PDB file of all heavy atoms in Angstrom:
ATOM      1  N   VAL A   1     -38.220 -41.813 -42.224  1.00  0.00           N
ATOM      2  CA  VAL A   1     -38.591 -42.854 -41.263  1.00  0.00           C
ATOM      3  C   VAL A   1     -38.252 -44.233 -41.816  1.00  0.00           C
ATOM      4  O   VAL A   1     -37.702 -45.091 -41.109  1.00  0.00           O
ATOM      5  CB  VAL A   1     -40.088 -42.748 -40.918  1.00  0.00           C
ATOM      6  CG1 VAL A   1     -40.498 -43.874 -39.962  1.00  0.00           C
ATOM      7  CG2 VAL A   1     -40.404 -41.392 -40.299  1.00  0.00           C
ATOM      8  N   ALA A   2     -38.552 -44.447 -43.077  1.00  0.00           N
ATOM      9  CA  ALA A   2     -38.267 -45.749 -43.691  1.00  0.00           C
ATOM     10  C   ALA A   2     -36.767 -45.990 -43.816  1.00  0.00           C
ATOM     11  O   ALA A   2     -36.298 -47.121 -43.652  1.00  0.00           O
ATOM     12  CB  ALA A   2     -38.935 -45.830 -45.066  1.00  0.00           C
ATOM     13  N   VAL A   3     -35.999 -44.945 -44.104  1.00  0.00           N
ATOM     14  CA  VAL A   3     -34.543 -45.098 -44.188  1.00  0.00           C
ATOM     15  C   VAL A   3     -33.977 -45.448 -42.815  1.00  0.00           C
ATOM     16  O   VAL A   3     -33.130 -46.347 -42.681  1.00  0.00           O
ATOM     17  CB  VAL A   3     -33.891 -43.821 -44.737  1.00  0.00           C
ATOM     18  CG1 VAL A   3     -32.358 -43.933 -44.667  1.00  0.00           C
ATOM     19  CG2 VAL A   3     -34.321 -43.570 -46.177  1.00  0.00           C
ATOM     20  N   LEU A   4     -34.424 -44.752 -41.772  1.00  0.00           N
ATOM     21  CA  LEU A   4     -33.959 -45.075 -40.422  1.00  0.00           C
ATOM     22  C   LEU A   4     -34.285 -46.521 -40.068  1.00  0.00           C
ATOM     23  O   LEU A   4     -33.468 -47.230 -39.466  1.00  0.00           O
ATOM     24  CB  LEU A   4     -34.599 -44.132 -39.407  1.00  0.00           C
ATOM     25  CG  LEU A   4     -34.149 -42.669 -39.441  1.00  0.00           C
ATOM     26  CD1 LEU A   4     -34.965 -41.847 -38.447  1.00  0.00           C
ATOM     27  CD2 LEU A   4     -32.659 -42.543 -39.134  1.00  0.00           C
ATOM     28  N   ARG A   5     -35.467 -46.968 -40.457  1.00  0.00           N
ATOM     29  CA  ARG A   5     -35.864 -48.353 -40.174  1.00  0.00           C
ATOM     30  C   ARG A   5     -34.896 -49.334 -40.841  1.00  0.00           C
ATOM     31  O   ARG A   5     -34.477 -50.329 -40.234  1.00  0.00           O
ATOM     32  CB  ARG A   5     -37.291 -48.594 -40.652  1.00  0.00           C
ATOM     33  CG  ARG A   5     -37.878 -49.913 -40.174  1.00  0.00           C
ATOM     34  CD  ARG A   5     -39.232 -50.190 -40.832  1.00  0.00           C
ATOM     35  NE  ARG A   5     -40.230 -49.192 -40.506  1.00  0.00           N
ATOM     36  CZ  ARG A   5     -40.934 -49.177 -39.382  1.00  0.00           C
ATOM     37  NH1 ARG A   5     -40.721 -50.095 -38.457  1.00  0.00           N
ATOM     38  NH2 ARG A   5     -41.861 -48.246 -39.181  1.00  0.00           N
ATOM     39  N   ALA A   6     -34.530 -49.065 -42.092  1.00  0.00           N
ATOM     40  CA  ALA A   6     -33.618 -49.952 -42.811  1.00  0.00           C
ATOM     41  C   ALA A   6     -32.229 -49.954 -42.169  1.00  0.00           C
ATOM     42  O   ALA A   6     -31.586 -51.009 -42.056  1.00  0.00           O
ATOM     43  CB  ALA A   6     -33.524 -49.515 -44.271  1.00  0.00           C
ATOM     44  N   LEU A   7     -31.762 -48.797 -41.739  1.00  0.00           N
ATOM     45  CA  LEU A   7     -30.446 -48.711 -41.106  1.00  0.00           C
ATOM     46  C   LEU A   7     -30.404 -49.510 -39.808  1.00  0.00           C
ATOM     47  O   LEU A   7     -29.448 -50.256 -39.551  1.00  0.00           O
ATOM     48  CB  LEU A   7     -30.093 -47.250 -40.823  1.00  0.00           C
ATOM     49  CG  LEU A   7     -29.890 -46.336 -42.029  1.00  0.00           C
ATOM     50  CD1 LEU A   7     -29.700 -44.897 -41.571  1.00  0.00           C
ATOM     51  CD2 LEU A   7     -28.712 -46.789 -42.873  1.00  0.00           C
ATOM     52  N   ILE A   8     -31.432 -49.347 -38.991  1.00  0.00           N
ATOM     53  CA  ILE A   8     -31.458 -50.032 -37.702  1.00  0.00           C
ATOM     54  C   ILE A   8     -31.618 -51.539 -37.897  1.00  0.00           C
ATOM     55  O   ILE A   8     -30.943 -52.340 -37.255  1.00  0.00           O
ATOM     56  CB  ILE A   8     -32.579 -49.453 -36.828  1.00  0.00           C
ATOM     57  CG1 ILE A   8     -32.247 -48.005 -36.470  1.00  0.00           C
ATOM     58  CG2 ILE A   8     -32.772 -50.283 -35.564  1.00  0.00           C
ATOM     59  CD1 ILE A   8     -33.391 -47.240 -35.867  1.00  0.00           C
ATOM     60  N   ALA A   9     -32.492 -51.920 -38.831  1.00  0.00           N
ATOM     61  CA  ALA A   9     -32.665 -53.347 -39.113  1.00  0.00           C
ATOM     62  C   ALA A   9     -31.381 -53.963 -39.646  1.00  0.00           C
ATOM     63  O   ALA A   9     -31.111 -55.150 -39.427  1.00  0.00           O
ATOM     64  CB  ALA A   9     -33.800 -53.543 -40.122  1.00  0.00           C
ATOM     65  N   GLY A  10     -30.582 -53.153 -40.336  1.00  0.00           N
ATOM     66  CA  GLY A  10     -29.324 -53.636 -40.894  1.00  0.00           C
ATOM     67  C   GLY A  10     -28.187 -53.688 -39.905  1.00  0.00           C
ATOM     68  O   GLY A  10     -27.081 -54.116 -40.250  1.00  0.00           O
ATOM     69  N   GLY A  11     -28.411 -53.237 -38.683  1.00  0.00           N
ATOM     70  CA  GLY A  11     -27.397 -53.364 -37.648  1.00  0.00           C
ATOM     71  C   GLY A  11     -26.650 -52.106 -37.285  1.00  0.00           C
ATOM     72  O   GLY A  11     -25.756 -52.135 -36.434  1.00  0.00           O
ATOM     73  N   PHE A  12     -26.983 -50.982 -37.894  1.00  0.00           N
ATOM     74  CA  PHE A  12     -26.307 -49.739 -37.540  1.00  0.00           C
ATOM     75  C   PHE A  12     -26.760 -49.262 -36.164  1.00  0.00           C
ATOM     76  O   PHE A  12     -27.935 -49.382 -35.799  1.00  0.00           O
ATOM     77  CB  PHE A  12     -26.607 -48.640 -38.566  1.00  0.00           C
ATOM     78  CG  PHE A  12     -25.710 -48.677 -39.763  1.00  0.00           C
ATOM     79  CD1 PHE A  12     -26.221 -49.002 -41.014  1.00  0.00           C
ATOM     80  CD2 PHE A  12     -24.359 -48.385 -39.653  1.00  0.00           C
ATOM     81  CE1 PHE A  12     -25.406 -49.030 -42.127  1.00  0.00           C
ATOM     82  CE2 PHE A  12     -23.536 -48.420 -40.756  1.00  0.00           C
ATOM     83  CZ  PHE A  12     -24.058 -48.729 -42.005  1.00  0.00           C
ATOM     84  N   HIS A  13     -25.821 -48.691 -35.445  1.00  0.00           N
ATOM     85  CA  HIS A  13     -26.100 -48.086 -34.139  1.00  0.00           C
ATOM     86  C   HIS A  13     -26.060 -46.569 -34.308  1.00  0.00           C
ATOM     87  O   HIS A  13     -24.983 -45.974 -34.376  1.00  0.00           O
ATOM     88  CB  HIS A  13     -25.062 -48.539 -33.110  1.00  0.00           C
ATOM     89  CG  HIS A  13     -25.250 -47.929 -31.750  1.00  0.00           C
ATOM     90  ND1 HIS A  13     -24.212 -47.756 -30.867  1.00  0.00           N
ATOM     91  CD2 HIS A  13     -26.359 -47.430 -31.142  1.00  0.00           C
ATOM     92  CE1 HIS A  13     -24.670 -47.184 -29.769  1.00  0.00           C
ATOM     93  NE2 HIS A  13     -25.964 -46.985 -29.911  1.00  0.00           N
ATOM     94  N   ILE A  14     -27.221 -45.955 -34.408  1.00  0.00           N
ATOM     95  CA  ILE A  14     -27.290 -44.510 -34.615  1.00  0.00           C
ATOM     96  C   ILE A  14     -27.137 -43.815 -33.266  1.00  0.00           C
ATOM     97  O   ILE A  14     -27.975 -43.973 -32.374  1.00  0.00           O
ATOM     98  CB  ILE A  14     -28.616 -44.110 -35.282  1.00  0.00           C
ATOM     99  CG1 ILE A  14     -28.775 -44.830 -36.625  1.00  0.00           C
ATOM    100  CG2 ILE A  14     -28.686 -42.599 -35.491  1.00  0.00           C
ATOM    101  CD1 ILE A  14     -30.115 -44.613 -37.294  1.00  0.00           C
ATOM    102  N   THR A  15     -26.059 -43.055 -33.122  1.00  0.00           N
ATOM    103  CA  THR A  15     -25.785 -42.377 -31.850  1.00  0.00           C
ATOM    104  C   THR A  15     -26.002 -40.871 -31.943  1.00  0.00           C
ATOM    105  O   THR A  15     -26.178 -40.212 -30.910  1.00  0.00           O
ATOM    106  CB  THR A  15     -24.338 -42.633 -31.405  1.00  0.00           C
ATOM    107  OG1 THR A  15     -23.431 -42.215 -32.439  1.00  0.00           O
ATOM    108  CG2 THR A  15     -24.120 -44.109 -31.121  1.00  0.00           C
ATOM    109  N   GLU A  16     -25.966 -40.311 -33.157  1.00  0.00           N
ATOM    110  CA  GLU A  16     -26.181 -38.882 -33.345  1.00  0.00           C
ATOM    111  C   GLU A  16     -27.165 -38.677 -34.485  1.00  0.00           C
ATOM    112  O   GLU A  16     -27.056 -39.320 -35.532  1.00  0.00           O
ATOM    113  CB  GLU A  16     -24.864 -38.163 -33.657  1.00  0.00           C
ATOM    114  CG  GLU A  16     -23.840 -38.271 -32.539  1.00  0.00           C
ATOM    115  CD  GLU A  16     -22.541 -37.545 -32.859  1.00  0.00           C
ATOM    116  OE1 GLU A  16     -22.156 -37.504 -34.045  1.00  0.00           O
ATOM    117  OE2 GLU A  16     -21.910 -37.031 -31.922  1.00  0.00           O
ATOM    118  N   LEU A  17     -28.121 -37.777 -34.268  1.00  0.00           N
ATOM    119  CA  LEU A  17     -29.134 -37.528 -35.277  1.00  0.00           C
ATOM    120  C   LEU A  17     -29.376 -36.025 -35.347  1.00  0.00           C
ATOM    121  O   LEU A  17     -29.658 -35.379 -34.331  1.00  0.00           O
ATOM    122  CB  LEU A  17     -30.429 -38.253 -34.899  1.00  0.00           C
ATOM    123  CG  LEU A  17     -31.555 -38.303 -35.930  1.00  0.00           C
ATOM    124  CD1 LEU A  17     -31.103 -38.999 -37.210  1.00  0.00           C
ATOM    125  CD2 LEU A  17     -32.777 -39.019 -35.349  1.00  0.00           C
ATOM    126  N   VAL A  18     -29.221 -35.480 -36.553  1.00  0.00           N
ATOM    127  CA  VAL A  18     -29.396 -34.043 -36.791  1.00  0.00           C
ATOM    128  C   VAL A  18     -30.385 -33.869 -37.928  1.00  0.00           C
ATOM    129  O   VAL A  18     -30.371 -34.646 -38.895  1.00  0.00           O
ATOM    130  CB  VAL A  18     -28.051 -33.377 -37.154  1.00  0.00           C
ATOM    131  CG1 VAL A  18     -28.256 -31.965 -37.686  1.00  0.00           C
ATOM    132  CG2 VAL A  18     -27.135 -33.343 -35.945  1.00  0.00           C
ATOM    133  N   GLY A  19     -31.253 -32.860 -37.825  1.00  0.00           N
ATOM    134  CA  GLY A  19     -32.199 -32.622 -38.901  1.00  0.00           C
ATOM    135  C   GLY A  19     -32.546 -31.169 -39.066  1.00  0.00           C
ATOM    136  O   GLY A  19     -32.432 -30.370 -38.127  1.00  0.00           O
ATOM    137  N   THR A  20     -32.935 -30.819 -40.263  1.00  0.00           N
ATOM    138  CA  THR A  20     -33.464 -29.495 -40.537  1.00  0.00           C
ATOM    139  C   THR A  20     -34.821 -29.636 -41.208  1.00  0.00           C
ATOM    140  O   THR A  20     -35.094 -30.644 -41.865  1.00  0.00           O
ATOM    141  CB  THR A  20     -32.501 -28.678 -41.430  1.00  0.00           C
ATOM    142  OG1 THR A  20     -32.925 -27.316 -41.452  1.00  0.00           O
ATOM    143  CG2 THR A  20     -32.453 -29.217 -42.859  1.00  0.00           C
ATOM    144  N   SER A  21     -35.677 -28.644 -41.033  1.00  0.00           N
ATOM    145  CA  SER A  21     -37.011 -28.670 -41.622  1.00  0.00           C
ATOM    146  C   SER A  21     -37.757 -29.931 -41.160  1.00  0.00           C
ATOM    147  O   SER A  21     -37.802 -30.214 -39.970  1.00  0.00           O
ATOM    148  CB  SER A  21     -36.899 -28.576 -43.148  1.00  0.00           C
ATOM    149  OG  SER A  21     -38.145 -28.404 -43.761  1.00  0.00           O
ATOM    150  N   VAL A  22     -38.296 -30.713 -42.070  1.00  0.00           N
ATOM    151  CA  VAL A  22     -38.984 -31.927 -41.657  1.00  0.00           C
ATOM    152  C   VAL A  22     -38.020 -32.901 -40.991  1.00  0.00           C
ATOM    153  O   VAL A  22     -38.410 -33.684 -40.116  1.00  0.00           O
ATOM    154  CB  VAL A  22     -39.681 -32.593 -42.862  1.00  0.00           C
ATOM    155  CG1 VAL A  22     -38.667 -33.109 -43.873  1.00  0.00           C
ATOM    156  CG2 VAL A  22     -40.608 -33.705 -42.409  1.00  0.00           C
ATOM    157  N   GLY A  23     -36.749 -32.844 -41.359  1.00  0.00           N
ATOM    158  CA  GLY A  23     -35.747 -33.678 -40.692  1.00  0.00           C
ATOM    159  C   GLY A  23     -35.621 -33.337 -39.221  1.00  0.00           C
ATOM    160  O   GLY A  23     -35.352 -34.207 -38.386  1.00  0.00           O
ATOM    161  N   ALA A  24     -35.832 -32.059 -38.871  1.00  0.00           N
ATOM    162  CA  ALA A  24     -35.820 -31.651 -37.464  1.00  0.00           C
ATOM    163  C   ALA A  24     -36.998 -32.244 -36.718  1.00  0.00           C
ATOM    164  O   ALA A  24     -36.885 -32.632 -35.549  1.00  0.00           O
ATOM    165  CB  ALA A  24     -35.836 -30.128 -37.372  1.00  0.00           C
ATOM    166  N   ILE A  25     -38.140 -32.306 -37.384  1.00  0.00           N
ATOM    167  CA  ILE A  25     -39.335 -32.894 -36.759  1.00  0.00           C
ATOM    168  C   ILE A  25     -39.101 -34.365 -36.447  1.00  0.00           C
ATOM    169  O   ILE A  25     -39.366 -34.833 -35.339  1.00  0.00           O
ATOM    170  CB  ILE A  25     -40.559 -32.708 -37.673  1.00  0.00           C
ATOM    171  CG1 ILE A  25     -40.885 -31.221 -37.830  1.00  0.00           C
ATOM    172  CG2 ILE A  25     -41.760 -33.470 -37.130  1.00  0.00           C
ATOM    173  CD1 ILE A  25     -41.988 -30.932 -38.837  1.00  0.00           C
ATOM    174  N   VAL A  26     -38.600 -35.111 -37.429  1.00  0.00           N
ATOM    175  CA  VAL A  26     -38.329 -36.533 -37.215  1.00  0.00           C
ATOM    176  C   VAL A  26     -37.299 -36.718 -36.109  1.00  0.00           C
ATOM    177  O   VAL A  26     -37.455 -37.566 -35.214  1.00  0.00           O
ATOM    178  CB  VAL A  26     -37.850 -37.187 -38.520  1.00  0.00           C
ATOM    179  CG1 VAL A  26     -37.441 -38.642 -38.276  1.00  0.00           C
ATOM    180  CG2 VAL A  26     -38.941 -37.125 -39.597  1.00  0.00           C
ATOM    181  N   THR A  27     -36.244 -35.918 -36.139  1.00  0.00           N
ATOM    182  CA  THR A  27     -35.189 -36.006 -35.127  1.00  0.00           C
ATOM    183  C   THR A  27     -35.737 -35.791 -33.729  1.00  0.00           C
ATOM    184  O   THR A  27     -35.452 -36.565 -32.801  1.00  0.00           O
ATOM    185  CB  THR A  27     -34.097 -34.964 -35.417  1.00  0.00           C
ATOM    186  OG1 THR A  27     -33.448 -35.282 -36.653  1.00  0.00           O
ATOM    187  CG2 THR A  27     -33.064 -34.920 -34.308  1.00  0.00           C
ATOM    188  N   ALA A  28     -36.532 -34.744 -33.549  1.00  0.00           N
ATOM    189  CA  ALA A  28     -37.029 -34.398 -32.220  1.00  0.00           C
ATOM    190  C   ALA A  28     -38.016 -35.429 -31.691  1.00  0.00           C
ATOM    191  O   ALA A  28     -37.956 -35.820 -30.516  1.00  0.00           O
ATOM    192  CB  ALA A  28     -37.666 -33.019 -32.253  1.00  0.00           C
ATOM    193  N   PHE A  29     -38.940 -35.871 -32.541  1.00  0.00           N
ATOM    194  CA  PHE A  29     -39.935 -36.820 -32.056  1.00  0.00           C
ATOM    195  C   PHE A  29     -39.335 -38.199 -31.812  1.00  0.00           C
ATOM    196  O   PHE A  29     -39.780 -38.924 -30.923  1.00  0.00           O
ATOM    197  CB  PHE A  29     -41.116 -36.892 -33.021  1.00  0.00           C
ATOM    198  CG  PHE A  29     -42.108 -35.784 -32.814  1.00  0.00           C
ATOM    199  CD1 PHE A  29     -42.060 -34.646 -33.592  1.00  0.00           C
ATOM    200  CD2 PHE A  29     -43.060 -35.864 -31.820  1.00  0.00           C
ATOM    201  CE1 PHE A  29     -42.956 -33.608 -33.398  1.00  0.00           C
ATOM    202  CE2 PHE A  29     -43.961 -34.844 -31.606  1.00  0.00           C
ATOM    203  CZ  PHE A  29     -43.909 -33.696 -32.395  1.00  0.00           C
ATOM    204  N   TYR A  30     -38.324 -38.566 -32.556  1.00  0.00           N
ATOM    205  CA  TYR A  30     -37.661 -39.847 -32.347  1.00  0.00           C
ATOM    206  C   TYR A  30     -36.720 -39.773 -31.147  1.00  0.00           C
ATOM    207  O   TYR A  30     -36.765 -40.625 -30.254  1.00  0.00           O
ATOM    208  CB  TYR A  30     -36.889 -40.230 -33.608  1.00  0.00           C
ATOM    209  CG  TYR A  30     -36.230 -41.591 -33.555  1.00  0.00           C
ATOM    210  CD1 TYR A  30     -36.988 -42.751 -33.577  1.00  0.00           C
ATOM    211  CD2 TYR A  30     -34.846 -41.716 -33.500  1.00  0.00           C
ATOM    212  CE1 TYR A  30     -36.395 -44.004 -33.538  1.00  0.00           C
ATOM    213  CE2 TYR A  30     -34.238 -42.957 -33.461  1.00  0.00           C
ATOM    214  CZ  TYR A  30     -35.007 -44.104 -33.484  1.00  0.00           C
ATOM    215  OH  TYR A  30     -34.410 -45.338 -33.440  1.00  0.00           O
ATOM    216  N   GLY A  31     -35.885 -38.736 -31.124  1.00  0.00           N
ATOM    217  CA  GLY A  31     -34.849 -38.680 -30.108  1.00  0.00           C
ATOM    218  C   GLY A  31     -35.288 -38.117 -28.775  1.00  0.00           C
ATOM    219  O   GLY A  31     -34.880 -38.628 -27.718  1.00  0.00           O
ATOM    220  N   ALA A  32     -36.102 -37.045 -28.772  1.00  0.00           N
ATOM    221  CA  ALA A  32     -36.473 -36.375 -27.524  1.00  0.00           C
ATOM    222  C   ALA A  32     -37.837 -36.810 -26.996  1.00  0.00           C
ATOM    223  O   ALA A  32     -37.986 -37.102 -25.813  1.00  0.00           O
ATOM    224  CB  ALA A  32     -36.448 -34.859 -27.730  1.00  0.00           C
ATOM    225  N   VAL A  33     -38.847 -36.860 -27.872  1.00  0.00           N
ATOM    226  CA  VAL A  33     -40.171 -37.306 -27.437  1.00  0.00           C
ATOM    227  C   VAL A  33     -40.163 -38.812 -27.193  1.00  0.00           C
ATOM    228  O   VAL A  33     -40.807 -39.315 -26.275  1.00  0.00           O
ATOM    229  CB  VAL A  33     -41.239 -36.919 -28.473  1.00  0.00           C
ATOM    230  CG1 VAL A  33     -42.608 -37.460 -28.068  1.00  0.00           C
ATOM    231  CG2 VAL A  33     -41.294 -35.397 -28.620  1.00  0.00           C
ATOM    232  N   GLY A  34     -39.431 -39.543 -28.040  1.00  0.00           N
ATOM    233  CA  GLY A  34     -39.295 -40.986 -27.843  1.00  0.00           C
ATOM    234  C   GLY A  34     -40.229 -41.842 -28.659  1.00  0.00           C
ATOM    235  O   GLY A  34     -40.362 -43.043 -28.396  1.00  0.00           O
ATOM    236  N   LEU A  35     -40.883 -41.246 -29.677  1.00  0.00           N
ATOM    237  CA  LEU A  35     -41.735 -42.069 -30.532  1.00  0.00           C
ATOM    238  C   LEU A  35     -40.888 -43.109 -31.255  1.00  0.00           C
ATOM    239  O   LEU A  35     -39.773 -42.820 -31.700  1.00  0.00           O
ATOM    240  CB  LEU A  35     -42.454 -41.202 -31.566  1.00  0.00           C
ATOM    241  CG  LEU A  35     -43.457 -40.169 -31.059  1.00  0.00           C
ATOM    242  CD1 LEU A  35     -44.182 -39.547 -32.249  1.00  0.00           C
ATOM    243  CD2 LEU A  35     -44.451 -40.775 -30.096  1.00  0.00           C
ATOM    244  N   ASP A  36     -41.418 -44.318 -31.389  1.00  0.00           N
ATOM    245  CA  ASP A  36     -40.712 -45.321 -32.174  1.00  0.00           C
ATOM    246  C   ASP A  36     -41.055 -45.119 -33.652  1.00  0.00           C
ATOM    247  O   ASP A  36     -41.893 -44.284 -34.007  1.00  0.00           O
ATOM    248  CB  ASP A  36     -41.028 -46.735 -31.699  1.00  0.00           C
ATOM    249  CG  ASP A  36     -42.510 -47.082 -31.764  1.00  0.00           C
ATOM    250  OD1 ASP A  36     -43.254 -46.452 -32.560  1.00  0.00           O
ATOM    251  OD2 ASP A  36     -42.940 -47.990 -31.025  1.00  0.00           O
ATOM    252  N   LEU A  37     -40.416 -45.883 -34.502  1.00  0.00           N
ATOM    253  CA  LEU A  37     -40.602 -45.677 -35.942  1.00  0.00           C
ATOM    254  C   LEU A  37     -42.013 -46.025 -36.392  1.00  0.00           C
ATOM    255  O   LEU A  37     -42.541 -45.389 -37.307  1.00  0.00           O
ATOM    256  CB  LEU A  37     -39.566 -46.499 -36.717  1.00  0.00           C
ATOM    257  CG  LEU A  37     -38.107 -46.076 -36.485  1.00  0.00           C
ATOM    258  CD1 LEU A  37     -37.160 -46.989 -37.248  1.00  0.00           C
ATOM    259  CD2 LEU A  37     -37.885 -44.628 -36.897  1.00  0.00           C
ATOM    260  N   ASP A  38     -42.635 -47.001 -35.756  1.00  0.00           N
ATOM    261  CA  ASP A  38     -44.027 -47.311 -36.097  1.00  0.00           C
ATOM    262  C   ASP A  38     -44.935 -46.120 -35.807  1.00  0.00           C
ATOM    263  O   ASP A  38     -45.829 -45.795 -36.602  1.00  0.00           O
ATOM    264  CB  ASP A  38     -44.512 -48.526 -35.309  1.00  0.00           C
ATOM    265  CG  ASP A  38     -43.904 -49.834 -35.808  1.00  0.00           C
ATOM    266  OD1 ASP A  38     -43.409 -49.854 -36.958  1.00  0.00           O
ATOM    267  OD2 ASP A  38     -43.930 -50.821 -35.052  1.00  0.00           O
ATOM    268  N   SER A  39     -44.715 -45.470 -34.667  1.00  0.00           N
ATOM    269  CA  SER A  39     -45.548 -44.318 -34.293  1.00  0.00           C
ATOM    270  C   SER A  39     -45.293 -43.139 -35.212  1.00  0.00           C
ATOM    271  O   SER A  39     -46.224 -42.412 -35.585  1.00  0.00           O
ATOM    272  CB  SER A  39     -45.275 -43.927 -32.839  1.00  0.00           C
ATOM    273  OG  SER A  39     -45.606 -44.982 -31.956  1.00  0.00           O
ATOM    274  N   LEU A  40     -44.046 -42.930 -35.590  1.00  0.00           N
ATOM    275  CA  LEU A  40     -43.729 -41.855 -36.533  1.00  0.00           C
ATOM    276  C   LEU A  40     -44.385 -42.107 -37.886  1.00  0.00           C
ATOM    277  O   LEU A  40     -44.927 -41.192 -38.509  1.00  0.00           O
ATOM    278  CB  LEU A  40     -42.209 -41.732 -36.699  1.00  0.00           C
ATOM    279  CG  LEU A  40     -41.456 -41.025 -35.586  1.00  0.00           C
ATOM    280  CD1 LEU A  40     -39.956 -41.207 -35.776  1.00  0.00           C
ATOM    281  CD2 LEU A  40     -41.815 -39.552 -35.545  1.00  0.00           C
ATOM    282  N   GLU A  41     -44.333 -43.356 -38.326  1.00  0.00           N
ATOM    283  CA  GLU A  41     -44.965 -43.698 -39.599  1.00  0.00           C
ATOM    284  C   GLU A  41     -46.473 -43.479 -39.529  1.00  0.00           C
ATOM    285  O   GLU A  41     -47.070 -42.915 -40.465  1.00  0.00           O
ATOM    286  CB  GLU A  41     -44.662 -45.151 -39.958  1.00  0.00           C
ATOM    287  CG  GLU A  41     -45.315 -45.600 -41.244  1.00  0.00           C
ATOM    288  CD  GLU A  41     -44.985 -47.033 -41.613  1.00  0.00           C
ATOM    289  OE1 GLU A  41     -43.863 -47.497 -41.320  1.00  0.00           O
ATOM    290  OE2 GLU A  41     -45.867 -47.702 -42.208  1.00  0.00           O
ATOM    291  N   ALA A  42     -47.088 -43.887 -38.431  1.00  0.00           N
ATOM    292  CA  ALA A  42     -48.534 -43.715 -38.289  1.00  0.00           C
ATOM    293  C   ALA A  42     -48.905 -42.236 -38.292  1.00  0.00           C
ATOM    294  O   ALA A  42     -49.899 -41.832 -38.909  1.00  0.00           O
ATOM    295  CB  ALA A  42     -49.009 -44.381 -37.004  1.00  0.00           C
ATOM    296  N   ALA A  43     -48.105 -41.407 -37.615  1.00  0.00           N
ATOM    297  CA  ALA A  43     -48.380 -39.967 -37.588  1.00  0.00           C
ATOM    298  C   ALA A  43     -48.263 -39.367 -38.976  1.00  0.00           C
ATOM    299  O   ALA A  43     -49.073 -38.519 -39.377  1.00  0.00           O
ATOM    300  CB  ALA A  43     -47.418 -39.282 -36.624  1.00  0.00           C
ATOM    301  N   GLY A  44     -47.266 -39.813 -39.719  1.00  0.00           N
ATOM    302  CA  GLY A  44     -47.095 -39.307 -41.073  1.00  0.00           C
ATOM    303  C   GLY A  44     -48.212 -39.724 -42.001  1.00  0.00           C
ATOM    304  O   GLY A  44     -48.675 -38.940 -42.834  1.00  0.00           O
TER     305      GLY A  44
END
């Protein structure tokens, strides 16, 4: 979550996101459920 925050703050446009294990959880809740990074951090 913190790495994604740094990438977005730095100007990267993330168009594809793939994850396995806990990476799959972050991917799904960010991309499909729509949680923002603050909400993901709070859940964690």
